[in-house]
Amino acid sequence: MNIEEIRAKLDNGQATIGSWLQLPSPDVAELMAAAGYDWIACDMEHGSFGPECLPDIFRAINCVGACPFARLPEASKVYIKMALEAGAHGLIFPMIESAEQLEKAIDLSTYPGQDKWRKNGSIADDYRGVGYCRANLFGKKFDAYRENVAPEIFIVAQIEHIRAVENLDAILAVPRLDAIMVGPYDLSGSMGLTGQFGNPEFVKVMQHISATCKKHGAIMGLHIVQPDPDALMLEIAKGCRFIAYGIDAVFLWHSAQLPDLGE
């Protein structure tokens, strides 16, 4: 699965389903990528991924046909470059709260001259540094990467604070945005309702996000942290189309749980 195929699914109204890595193991990454997901995201915010292990993680994801994504610790120049140069084809920006913040993050993900998405032809103050790296096979495929891969990096903004909800119309109006992804724990926490997903106030906010996405024709996304097939099907039926399903560590502790032996 590549970015073009992921976008084609979304254009056809289908959901694209990925999953989440927190364990810095190429073996785990390969197993997860072989489980049928379109994309696999390395959680650089809460996982243990450093620059030295990302290339092998992304190779493992690539080798079985899934697309490598990275959820960054923050939408900063250092982390954006680290993930892209290691070979990420999609970036998930955490804690996006305004259109301006999102536009800056996209600028930092974009080579000079590839910012035609910007409004009114304005020029970015900063941009992605240009150089040989693992993503372009250390220069061997630099031109092909610059022309065909770099302009198509999949951009996801995480909506994780009530302030982001208040600014959602402006965030969704950013032309280069591919999808949003609600971070339910942080969003509920910002409302003083951490983990209370059934609370009427939280439900109301989620309904507002969904309705605003529909108004803008934007792709609504969500992280279903606890794997539950019924919850997955429900979210797809409700209109979610960019979904992270489960986490490697959560799958492991669910399956590893010792059964009651009746002793």
Protein backbone atom coordinates (compact mmCIF):
# COMPACT_ATOMS: atom_id res chain seq x y z
CA MET A 1 0.00 0.00 0.00
CA ASN A 2 1.38 3.40 -0.94
CA ILE A 3 0.17 6.98 -0.47
CA GLU A 4 -1.46 7.05 -3.91
CA GLU A 5 -3.47 3.91 -3.07
CA ILE A 6 -4.43 5.28 0.35
CA ARG A 7 -5.69 8.51 -1.21
CA ALA A 8 -7.58 6.50 -3.85
CA LYS A 9 -9.40 4.56 -1.12
CA LEU A 10 -10.35 7.79 0.62
CA ASP A 11 -11.49 9.37 -2.67
CA ASN A 12 -13.75 6.33 -3.18
CA GLY A 13 -15.29 6.79 0.26
CA GLN A 14 -13.52 3.79 1.78
CA ALA A 15 -11.83 3.77 5.18
CA THR A 16 -8.08 3.37 5.44
CA ILE A 17 -7.11 1.41 8.55
CA GLY A 18 -3.67 1.50 10.12
CA SER A 19 -2.18 0.65 13.46
CA TRP A 20 0.22 2.02 16.04
CA LEU A 21 3.70 1.01 17.21
CA GLN A 22 5.22 1.81 20.59
CA LEU A 23 7.79 -1.00 20.72
CA PRO A 24 11.01 -0.16 18.82
CA SER A 25 11.36 -3.57 17.18
CA PRO A 26 11.66 -4.19 13.43
CA ASP A 27 10.29 -7.70 14.01
CA VAL A 28 7.16 -6.34 15.69
CA ALA A 29 6.84 -3.71 12.95
CA GLU A 30 7.02 -6.39 10.25
CA LEU A 31 4.42 -8.55 11.99
CA MET A 32 2.05 -5.62 12.43
CA ALA A 33 2.51 -4.49 8.82
CA ALA A 34 1.79 -8.04 7.61
CA ALA A 35 -1.50 -8.15 9.53
CA GLY A 36 -3.38 -6.41 6.72
CA TYR A 37 -3.15 -2.72 7.65
CA ASP A 38 -2.74 -0.01 5.01
CA TRP A 39 -0.23 1.90 7.11
CA ILE A 40 1.66 1.57 10.38
CA ALA A 41 2.57 4.60 12.51
CA CYS A 42 5.59 4.78 14.80
CA ASP A 43 4.55 6.63 17.94
CA MET A 44 7.57 8.87 18.46
CA GLU A 45 5.69 10.81 21.16
CA HIS A 46 5.02 8.02 23.64
CA GLY A 47 7.09 5.16 22.19
CA SER A 48 10.86 4.65 22.34
CA PHE A 49 11.85 5.51 18.78
CA GLY A 50 15.12 7.33 18.20
CA PRO A 51 16.82 8.30 14.93
CA GLU A 52 19.02 5.21 14.98
CA CYS A 53 16.11 2.73 14.92
CA LEU A 54 13.62 4.46 12.61
CA PRO A 55 15.21 3.34 9.30
CA ASP A 56 15.00 -0.35 10.23
CA ILE A 57 11.43 0.06 11.50
CA PHE A 58 10.38 1.72 8.24
CA ARG A 59 12.20 -0.93 6.16
CA ALA A 60 10.30 -3.64 8.02
CA ILE A 61 6.98 -1.91 7.35
CA ASN A 62 7.83 -1.40 3.67
CA CYS A 63 8.99 -4.95 3.09
CA VAL A 64 5.52 -6.45 3.60
CA GLY A 65 3.63 -3.79 1.69
CA ALA A 66 2.32 -1.33 4.29
CA CYS A 67 3.03 2.39 4.28
CA PRO A 68 5.27 3.87 7.04
CA PHE A 69 3.88 6.78 9.07
CA ALA A 70 5.25 8.62 12.09
CA ARG A 71 3.38 10.37 14.89
CA LEU A 72 5.84 13.04 15.98
CA PRO A 73 6.61 14.14 19.55
CA GLU A 74 5.91 17.69 18.33
CA ALA A 75 5.55 19.38 14.97
CA SER A 76 9.07 20.81 15.03
CA LYS A 77 11.78 21.03 12.37
CA VAL A 78 14.03 18.49 14.08
CA TYR A 79 11.41 15.76 14.46
CA ILE A 80 9.80 16.33 11.06
CA LYS A 81 13.17 16.03 9.31
CA MET A 82 14.15 13.00 11.41
CA ALA A 83 11.01 11.09 10.43
CA LEU A 84 11.01 12.07 6.75
CA GLU A 85 14.70 11.40 6.20
CA ALA A 86 14.35 7.96 7.79
CA GLY A 87 11.63 7.17 5.24
CA ALA A 88 8.21 8.12 6.63
CA HIS A 89 5.60 8.67 3.91
CA GLY A 90 3.01 10.07 6.29
CA LEU A 91 3.24 12.46 9.24
CA ILE A 92 0.80 12.74 12.12
CA PHE A 93 1.23 16.08 13.88
CA PRO A 94 0.20 16.04 17.57
CA MET A 95 -1.70 18.78 19.39
CA ILE A 96 -2.59 20.94 16.39
CA GLU A 97 -4.70 23.80 17.73
CA SER A 98 -4.72 26.40 14.94
CA ALA A 99 -4.44 26.76 11.17
CA GLU A 100 -1.24 28.78 11.60
CA GLN A 101 0.40 26.01 13.61
CA LEU A 102 -0.60 23.44 10.97
CA GLU A 103 0.64 25.58 8.09
CA LYS A 104 4.03 25.98 9.76
CA ALA A 105 4.31 22.21 10.28
CA ILE A 106 3.46 21.58 6.62
CA ASP A 107 6.07 24.17 5.53
CA LEU A 108 8.69 22.29 7.55
CA SER A 109 7.66 19.07 5.75
CA THR A 110 7.95 20.59 2.29
CA TYR A 111 10.96 21.14 0.03
CA PRO A 112 11.48 24.66 -1.38
CA GLY A 113 9.31 25.18 -4.45
CA GLN A 114 6.78 22.55 -3.37
CA ASP A 115 4.58 24.96 -1.41
CA LYS A 116 2.06 25.75 -4.15
CA TRP A 117 -0.71 24.84 -1.70
CA ARG A 118 -0.12 28.05 0.25
CA LYS A 119 -2.81 30.71 0.07
CA ASN A 120 -2.33 33.77 -2.18
CA GLY A 121 1.03 32.52 -3.40
CA SER A 122 2.74 33.44 -0.11
CA ILE A 123 6.23 32.07 0.50
CA ALA A 124 7.13 29.98 3.50
CA ASP A 125 9.45 31.47 6.11
CA ASP A 126 10.99 28.04 6.65
CA TYR A 127 10.96 24.72 4.83
CA ARG A 128 12.32 21.19 4.77
CA GLY A 129 16.10 21.01 4.54
CA VAL A 130 17.42 19.37 1.37
CA GLY A 131 19.99 16.59 1.56
CA TYR A 132 20.91 12.98 0.91
CA CYS A 133 19.30 10.56 3.36
CA ARG A 134 17.84 7.10 3.68
CA ALA A 135 14.52 8.27 2.16
CA ASN A 136 16.22 9.02 -1.18
CA LEU A 137 18.70 6.11 -0.92
CA PHE A 138 21.41 8.53 0.16
CA GLY A 139 21.19 10.48 -3.06
CA LYS A 140 20.95 7.60 -5.53
CA LYS A 141 17.21 8.26 -5.98
CA PHE A 142 17.23 11.92 -4.99
CA ASP A 143 15.49 13.28 -8.09
CA ALA A 144 12.78 10.60 -8.09
CA TYR A 145 12.13 11.12 -4.39
CA ARG A 146 12.05 14.93 -4.67
CA GLU A 147 9.70 14.87 -7.64
CA ASN A 148 7.39 11.96 -6.81
CA VAL A 149 7.46 11.16 -3.09
CA ALA A 150 8.22 14.35 -1.17
CA PRO A 151 5.30 16.37 -2.60
CA GLU A 152 2.85 13.58 -1.70
CA ILE A 153 3.68 13.12 2.01
CA PHE A 154 0.38 12.34 3.75
CA ILE A 155 -0.43 15.02 6.33
CA VAL A 156 -2.59 14.34 9.40
CA ALA A 157 -3.43 16.84 12.14
CA GLN A 158 -4.32 15.42 15.53
CA ILE A 159 -7.21 17.16 17.23
CA GLU A 160 -6.40 16.70 20.91
CA HIS A 161 -7.55 19.82 22.73
CA ILE A 162 -10.81 21.68 23.04
CA ARG A 163 -9.01 24.75 21.66
CA ALA A 164 -8.49 22.81 18.41
CA VAL A 165 -12.22 22.11 18.28
CA GLU A 166 -12.91 25.83 18.63
CA ASN A 167 -10.57 26.48 15.66
CA LEU A 168 -11.62 23.46 13.61
CA ASP A 169 -13.15 25.36 10.68
CA ALA A 170 -9.87 27.19 10.07
CA ILE A 171 -7.78 24.02 10.53
CA LEU A 172 -9.87 22.09 8.01
CA ALA A 173 -9.56 24.93 5.50
CA VAL A 174 -5.78 24.40 5.18
CA PRO A 175 -5.50 23.08 1.58
CA ARG A 176 -2.62 20.62 2.11
CA LEU A 177 -4.29 18.75 5.00
CA ASP A 178 -5.18 15.13 4.14
CA ALA A 179 -7.01 14.07 7.31
CA ILE A 180 -7.53 14.79 10.96
CA MET A 181 -7.27 12.26 13.76
CA VAL A 182 -8.97 12.78 17.09
CA GLY A 183 -6.84 11.83 20.10
CA PRO A 184 -9.66 10.86 22.46
CA TYR A 185 -7.67 10.69 25.69
CA ASP A 186 -6.02 14.09 25.34
CA LEU A 187 -9.19 15.72 24.01
CA SER A 188 -11.27 14.41 26.90
CA GLY A 189 -8.49 15.42 29.30
CA SER A 190 -8.56 19.00 28.00
CA MET A 191 -12.25 19.05 28.94
CA GLY A 192 -11.59 17.73 32.45
CA LEU A 193 -13.15 14.39 31.45
CA THR A 194 -10.10 12.17 30.93
CA GLY A 195 -11.18 8.83 29.46
CA GLN A 196 -14.89 9.54 29.96
CA PHE A 197 -15.84 8.87 26.36
CA GLY A 198 -19.49 8.27 27.20
CA ASN A 199 -19.89 11.61 28.95
CA PRO A 200 -22.59 13.66 27.15
CA GLU A 201 -20.29 16.68 26.83
CA PHE A 202 -17.57 14.61 25.18
CA VAL A 203 -20.09 12.90 22.89
CA LYS A 204 -21.40 16.33 21.88
CA VAL A 205 -17.89 17.51 20.98
CA MET A 206 -17.25 14.38 18.91
CA GLN A 207 -20.52 14.93 17.05
CA HIS A 208 -19.49 18.53 16.39
CA ILE A 209 -16.12 17.41 14.98
CA SER A 210 -17.81 14.88 12.72
CA ALA A 211 -20.37 17.42 11.48
CA THR A 212 -17.66 20.02 10.81
CA CYS A 213 -15.63 17.49 8.80
CA LYS A 214 -18.70 16.68 6.72
CA LYS A 215 -19.33 20.39 6.14
CA HIS A 216 -15.79 20.85 4.79
CA GLY A 217 -15.62 17.52 2.96
CA ALA A 218 -12.67 16.66 5.21
CA ILE A 219 -11.47 13.21 6.27
CA MET A 220 -12.39 12.43 9.88
CA GLY A 221 -10.07 10.12 11.77
CA LEU A 222 -9.79 8.52 15.18
CA HIS A 223 -7.49 6.32 17.23
CA ILE A 224 -9.35 3.28 18.60
CA VAL A 225 -6.88 2.48 21.36
CA GLN A 226 -8.52 -0.65 22.75
CA PRO A 227 -8.96 -3.07 19.83
CA ASP A 228 -12.64 -3.90 19.39
CA PRO A 229 -14.02 -5.01 15.99
CA ASP A 230 -17.51 -3.76 16.87
CA ALA A 231 -16.14 -0.32 17.77
CA LEU A 232 -14.20 -0.25 14.50
CA MET A 233 -17.28 -1.03 12.42
CA LEU A 234 -19.32 1.53 14.37
CA GLU A 235 -16.81 4.32 13.74
CA ILE A 236 -16.70 3.48 10.02
CA ALA A 237 -20.51 3.56 9.92
CA LYS A 238 -20.42 6.97 11.63
CA GLY A 239 -18.16 8.35 8.90
CA CYS A 240 -14.60 7.92 10.20
CA ARG A 241 -12.28 7.15 7.31
CA PHE A 242 -8.73 7.45 8.72
CA ILE A 243 -8.52 5.07 11.67
CA ALA A 244 -5.63 3.83 13.79
CA TYR A 245 -6.71 0.53 15.30
CA GLY A 246 -5.00 -0.67 18.46
CA ILE A 247 -1.36 -0.47 19.57
CA ASP A 248 1.28 -3.20 19.35
CA ALA A 249 1.78 -3.24 23.12
CA VAL A 250 -1.98 -3.35 23.77
CA PHE A 251 -2.42 -6.26 21.34
CA LEU A 252 0.41 -8.04 23.17
CA TRP A 253 -0.91 -7.65 26.69
CA HIS A 254 -4.43 -8.60 25.62
CA SER A 255 -3.21 -11.82 24.00
CA ALA A 256 -0.59 -12.59 26.64
CA GLN A 257 -3.02 -12.42 29.55
CA LEU A 258 -2.86 -15.67 31.51
CA PRO A 259 -6.30 -17.34 31.56
CA ASP A 260 -7.98 -18.24 34.82
CA LEU A 261 -6.89 -21.82 35.55
CA GLY A 262 -9.44 -22.27 38.28
CA GLU A 263 -6.86 -23.08 40.93
